[in-house]
Amino acid sequence: MARTVRKVKDPTKPLLKPPIRVGHLDTAAVVGQLRRLHEEAEDEDIDRMPADNELFGALLYLETHASALKSATARRAAALDRTRLWEYLRQQADIHQSRAVEDARAAGAEWMQLASALAVKAPSAAYNKALRLRAATLNNPVSPELRVRRTPEAVLLAERQAAAQATAQRRAEEEASRRHALMAPVARRLLEHRAALDDDDDVTFWLDQIEAVLPHCETPTQFVSLNIYVEAVVRELRKADHAVQTAEIGVSALAAVAAAAALVADS
């Protein structure tokens, strides 16, 4: 009988299902509700309970004084809220501990020094644990709805993918800025000759869009919008076919349209 070969799970493969997370939680409001339960139950030590925004201390108090709630319904509701708050705190701990490790490394701490702080025995174990902690701070570049798998390999892959996306985004923005430097003067020339180009229809509409966006064109999104509007003007002029046939349009206006058409064709 042939031996079944066990498949090795790809350590970089994300979880098949997105893990359930508590998400945003107004912890002070939840602690405040629990405080009111204890006040209504006439908890004798309620004055010793930490402030609502002192989550860890408040949870310890609520745990040790759970018996102060006489109603089973109140105890059940309070215990469920405490469970949710502890889960939230646990999930947040990975994020903040990861930041602490990054700060320690930036300040010159060696992995050997971090080993004891991370409750591991070797520098390599500290490094790997720090990578796993970073998973909590990362979005999955390929599938944003999934969390990054808590393995060193998956974290490194996600960071490489995120870096590649950031590089591509930066290059796209640089290209948009370069193209805008060429497009803006062309758009201004079209506006200078709009009296000859207006047709009280589609051309006029797109020239209006250019006139609205051009004075405030500073972001990549606005650069793209300007490109779209100039392309639309060229398209509508070609469709109308009057830009090259009407003598009254003038040489300068024809030159402005030709420059816009050449730039659009080069895109």
Protein backbone atom coordinates (compact mmCIF):
# COMPACT_ATOMS: atom_id res chain seq x y z
CA MET A 1 0.00 0.00 0.00
CA ALA A 2 1.45 3.33 -1.06
CA ARG A 3 2.32 5.66 1.75
CA THR A 4 0.31 8.86 1.84
CA VAL A 5 2.53 11.87 1.40
CA ARG A 6 1.61 14.60 3.82
CA LYS A 7 1.29 17.99 2.18
CA VAL A 8 3.35 20.71 3.80
CA LYS A 9 1.30 23.82 4.39
CA ASP A 10 2.69 26.92 2.75
CA PRO A 11 3.74 29.14 5.70
CA THR A 12 3.05 32.26 3.64
CA LYS A 13 -0.47 31.25 2.66
CA PRO A 14 -3.12 33.41 4.37
CA LEU A 15 -5.89 31.91 6.43
CA LEU A 16 -8.75 30.52 4.34
CA LYS A 17 -11.24 32.46 6.44
CA PRO A 18 -10.70 35.92 7.87
CA PRO A 19 -10.23 35.67 11.65
CA ILE A 20 -12.97 37.25 13.71
CA ARG A 21 -11.78 40.38 15.50
CA VAL A 22 -13.50 42.61 18.00
CA GLY A 23 -12.73 45.68 15.89
CA HIS A 24 -13.27 49.19 17.22
CA LEU A 25 -14.63 49.21 20.74
CA ASP A 26 -15.37 52.17 22.98
CA THR A 27 -13.81 50.52 26.02
CA ALA A 28 -14.45 53.47 28.34
CA ALA A 29 -18.17 53.33 27.53
CA VAL A 30 -18.32 49.59 28.19
CA VAL A 31 -16.45 49.97 31.47
CA GLY A 32 -18.83 52.79 32.39
CA GLN A 33 -21.79 50.46 31.86
CA LEU A 34 -20.17 47.84 34.08
CA ARG A 35 -19.52 50.50 36.72
CA ARG A 36 -23.23 51.37 36.74
CA LEU A 37 -24.12 47.70 37.24
CA HIS A 38 -21.92 47.62 40.34
CA GLU A 39 -23.31 50.92 41.59
CA GLU A 40 -26.88 49.64 41.20
CA ALA A 41 -25.85 46.48 43.06
CA GLU A 42 -24.50 48.74 45.86
CA ASP A 43 -20.95 47.39 45.57
CA GLU A 44 -19.31 48.66 48.77
CA ASP A 45 -15.88 49.05 47.15
CA ILE A 46 -17.00 50.83 43.98
CA ASP A 47 -15.05 53.96 44.98
CA ARG A 48 -11.86 51.91 44.60
CA MET A 49 -12.61 50.97 40.99
CA PRO A 50 -10.12 52.59 38.55
CA ALA A 51 -11.31 55.20 36.06
CA ASP A 52 -13.22 54.08 32.96
CA ASN A 53 -10.23 54.74 30.70
CA GLU A 54 -7.90 52.57 32.83
CA LEU A 55 -8.94 49.37 31.11
CA PHE A 56 -6.55 46.85 32.64
CA GLY A 57 -7.05 48.04 36.21
CA ALA A 58 -10.80 48.29 35.76
CA LEU A 59 -10.96 44.71 34.45
CA LEU A 60 -9.00 43.40 37.43
CA TYR A 61 -11.37 45.20 39.80
CA LEU A 62 -14.47 43.88 38.01
CA GLU A 63 -13.07 40.35 38.12
CA THR A 64 -12.33 40.38 41.84
CA HIS A 65 -15.66 42.04 42.65
CA ALA A 66 -17.89 39.99 40.34
CA SER A 67 -19.71 38.53 43.34
CA ALA A 68 -20.98 42.00 44.24
CA LEU A 69 -23.57 41.59 41.49
CA LYS A 70 -26.50 39.77 43.08
CA SER A 71 -28.57 39.23 39.93
CA ALA A 72 -27.66 36.29 37.70
CA THR A 73 -28.68 38.37 34.68
CA ALA A 74 -26.33 41.18 35.72
CA ARG A 75 -23.47 38.73 36.40
CA ARG A 76 -23.94 37.12 32.99
CA ALA A 77 -24.04 40.46 31.15
CA ALA A 78 -21.00 41.72 33.06
CA ALA A 79 -19.02 38.54 32.41
CA LEU A 80 -19.76 38.72 28.69
CA ASP A 81 -18.63 42.34 28.56
CA ARG A 82 -15.47 41.48 30.50
CA THR A 83 -14.75 38.66 28.05
CA ARG A 84 -15.13 41.05 25.12
CA LEU A 85 -12.89 43.64 26.78
CA TRP A 86 -10.16 41.07 27.52
CA GLU A 87 -10.28 39.88 23.89
CA TYR A 88 -9.98 43.47 22.70
CA LEU A 89 -7.07 44.06 25.07
CA ARG A 90 -5.32 40.89 23.90
CA GLN A 91 -5.65 41.88 20.25
CA GLN A 92 -4.36 45.37 20.95
CA ALA A 93 -1.40 43.99 22.92
CA ASP A 94 0.21 42.48 19.80
CA ILE A 95 0.05 45.82 17.98
CA HIS A 96 1.56 47.82 20.83
CA GLN A 97 4.17 45.21 21.70
CA SER A 98 5.28 45.17 18.07
CA ARG A 99 5.73 48.94 18.18
CA ALA A 100 7.72 48.61 21.40
CA VAL A 101 10.04 46.08 19.74
CA GLU A 102 10.52 48.43 16.77
CA ASP A 103 11.36 51.28 19.15
CA ALA A 104 13.81 49.08 21.03
CA ARG A 105 15.55 48.05 17.82
CA ALA A 106 15.66 51.67 16.61
CA ALA A 107 17.32 52.57 19.94
CA GLY A 108 20.03 49.94 19.38
CA ALA A 109 18.68 47.00 21.40
CA GLU A 110 20.11 43.61 20.34
CA TRP A 111 17.92 40.56 19.76
CA MET A 112 19.62 38.91 22.74
CA GLN A 113 18.38 41.74 24.94
CA LEU A 114 14.88 41.44 23.49
CA ALA A 115 14.79 37.67 24.04
CA SER A 116 14.06 37.94 27.75
CA ALA A 117 11.59 40.79 27.21
CA LEU A 118 9.68 38.62 24.72
CA ALA A 119 9.85 35.57 27.01
CA VAL A 120 11.96 33.47 24.62
CA LYS A 121 15.43 31.96 25.06
CA ALA A 122 17.38 32.82 21.92
CA PRO A 123 17.95 35.86 19.68
CA SER A 124 16.56 33.95 16.68
CA ALA A 125 13.40 33.15 18.64
CA ALA A 126 13.05 36.82 19.57
CA TYR A 127 13.41 37.81 15.91
CA ASN A 128 10.78 35.29 14.79
CA LYS A 129 8.37 36.30 17.55
CA ALA A 130 8.78 39.95 16.60
CA LEU A 131 7.89 39.04 13.03
CA ARG A 132 4.77 37.21 14.21
CA LEU A 133 3.76 40.24 16.26
CA ARG A 134 4.10 42.43 13.18
CA ALA A 135 1.36 40.37 11.51
CA ALA A 136 -1.14 42.19 13.74
CA THR A 137 -0.06 45.55 12.30
CA LEU A 138 -0.18 44.55 8.63
CA ASN A 139 -2.94 44.51 6.06
CA ASN A 140 -2.81 41.69 3.56
CA PRO A 141 -1.63 43.41 0.33
CA VAL A 142 -3.16 40.72 -1.90
CA SER A 143 -6.41 40.06 -0.01
CA PRO A 144 -7.22 43.00 2.32
CA GLU A 145 -10.18 41.11 3.81
CA LEU A 146 -7.77 38.49 5.22
CA ARG A 147 -5.27 39.00 7.99
CA VAL A 148 -1.62 38.18 7.42
CA ARG A 149 -0.77 34.70 8.66
CA ARG A 150 1.22 34.71 11.91
CA THR A 151 4.39 33.13 10.52
CA PRO A 152 7.73 34.87 9.86
CA GLU A 153 7.55 33.83 6.20
CA ALA A 154 4.07 35.28 5.70
CA VAL A 155 5.00 38.55 7.40
CA LEU A 156 8.13 39.01 5.28
CA LEU A 157 6.17 38.23 2.12
CA ALA A 158 3.42 40.69 3.07
CA GLU A 159 6.00 43.40 3.79
CA ARG A 160 7.70 42.80 0.43
CA GLN A 161 4.34 42.98 -1.34
CA ALA A 162 3.40 46.15 0.53
CA ALA A 163 6.76 47.72 -0.34
CA ALA A 164 6.28 46.79 -4.01
CA GLN A 165 2.80 48.33 -3.99
CA ALA A 166 4.13 51.50 -2.36
CA THR A 167 6.90 51.73 -4.97
CA ALA A 168 4.41 51.26 -7.79
CA GLN A 169 2.12 53.90 -6.28
CA ARG A 170 5.00 56.34 -5.89
CA ARG A 171 6.08 55.81 -9.51
CA ALA A 172 2.52 56.27 -10.71
CA GLU A 173 2.27 59.55 -8.79
CA GLU A 174 5.62 60.72 -10.18
CA GLU A 175 4.45 59.87 -13.70
CA ALA A 176 1.16 61.70 -13.06
CA SER A 177 3.10 64.78 -11.90
CA ARG A 178 5.38 64.62 -14.96
CA ARG A 179 2.43 64.31 -17.29
CA HIS A 180 0.58 67.11 -15.51
CA ALA A 181 3.52 69.43 -16.18
CA LEU A 182 2.87 68.79 -19.88
CA MET A 183 -0.92 68.72 -19.71
CA ALA A 184 -1.54 71.91 -17.72
CA PRO A 185 -0.13 74.33 -20.36
CA VAL A 186 -2.07 72.49 -23.08
CA ALA A 187 -5.29 72.76 -21.06
CA ARG A 188 -4.68 76.47 -20.49
CA ARG A 189 -4.26 77.02 -24.25
CA LEU A 190 -7.57 75.30 -24.90
CA LEU A 191 -9.26 77.66 -22.44
CA GLU A 192 -7.60 80.66 -24.04
CA HIS A 193 -9.30 79.70 -27.29
CA ARG A 194 -12.58 78.47 -25.89
CA ALA A 195 -14.54 81.24 -27.62
CA ALA A 196 -13.61 79.61 -30.92
CA LEU A 197 -14.11 76.05 -29.66
CA ASP A 198 -17.38 76.33 -27.70
CA ASP A 199 -20.26 74.54 -29.36
CA ASP A 200 -22.89 75.04 -26.64
CA ASP A 201 -22.92 71.27 -26.23
CA ASP A 202 -20.41 68.57 -25.27
CA VAL A 203 -17.24 70.56 -26.04
CA THR A 204 -18.50 73.41 -23.89
CA PHE A 205 -19.29 71.00 -21.05
CA TRP A 206 -15.78 69.52 -21.01
CA LEU A 207 -14.12 72.91 -21.30
CA ASP A 208 -16.15 73.95 -18.25
CA GLN A 209 -14.75 70.93 -16.38
CA ILE A 210 -11.21 71.91 -17.34
CA GLU A 211 -11.83 75.49 -16.21
CA ALA A 212 -13.14 74.25 -12.85
CA VAL A 213 -10.32 71.84 -12.02
CA LEU A 214 -7.26 73.53 -13.54
CA PRO A 215 -6.74 76.32 -10.95
CA HIS A 216 -6.76 73.80 -8.08
CA CYS A 217 -5.06 70.84 -9.78
CA GLU A 218 -2.63 69.59 -7.12
CA THR A 219 -3.38 65.95 -6.32
CA PRO A 220 -2.88 62.79 -8.43
CA THR A 221 -6.67 62.37 -8.57
CA GLN A 222 -7.08 65.89 -9.95
CA PHE A 223 -4.27 65.24 -12.46
CA VAL A 224 -6.19 62.22 -13.74
CA SER A 225 -9.41 64.25 -13.94
CA LEU A 226 -7.71 66.95 -16.00
CA ASN A 227 -6.37 64.31 -18.39
CA ILE A 228 -9.86 62.86 -18.79
CA TYR A 229 -11.36 66.28 -19.52
CA VAL A 230 -8.73 67.20 -22.12
CA GLU A 231 -9.17 63.80 -23.80
CA ALA A 232 -12.92 64.38 -23.84
CA VAL A 233 -12.51 67.80 -25.50
CA VAL A 234 -10.29 66.28 -28.20
CA ARG A 235 -12.75 63.41 -28.71
CA GLU A 236 -15.76 65.69 -29.05
CA LEU A 237 -13.96 68.04 -31.42
CA ARG A 238 -13.01 65.11 -33.62
CA LYS A 239 -16.58 63.86 -33.50
CA ALA A 240 -17.92 67.27 -34.47
CA ASP A 241 -15.14 67.53 -37.07
CA HIS A 242 -15.29 71.33 -37.05
CA ALA A 243 -11.93 71.93 -35.43
CA VAL A 244 -10.06 71.20 -38.63
CA GLN A 245 -12.60 72.40 -41.19
CA THR A 246 -13.80 75.76 -39.91
CA ALA A 247 -11.58 78.57 -41.10
CA GLU A 248 -12.93 80.99 -38.48
CA ILE A 249 -11.42 78.90 -35.71
CA GLY A 250 -8.05 80.51 -36.26
CA VAL A 251 -4.52 79.20 -36.52
CA SER A 252 -3.76 79.56 -32.82
CA ALA A 253 -6.87 77.64 -31.78
CA LEU A 254 -6.08 74.91 -34.27
CA ALA A 255 -2.56 74.72 -32.86
CA ALA A 256 -3.94 74.40 -29.32
CA VAL A 257 -6.22 71.56 -30.39
CA ALA A 258 -3.37 69.84 -32.26
CA ALA A 259 -1.13 70.06 -29.19
CA ALA A 260 -3.86 68.53 -27.03
CA ALA A 261 -4.49 65.78 -29.57
CA ALA A 262 -0.77 64.96 -29.74
CA LEU A 263 -0.49 64.76 -25.96
CA VAL A 264 -3.60 62.58 -25.71
CA ALA A 265 -2.25 60.27 -28.39
CA ASP A 266 1.01 59.95 -26.45
CA SER A 267 -0.77 58.73 -23.32
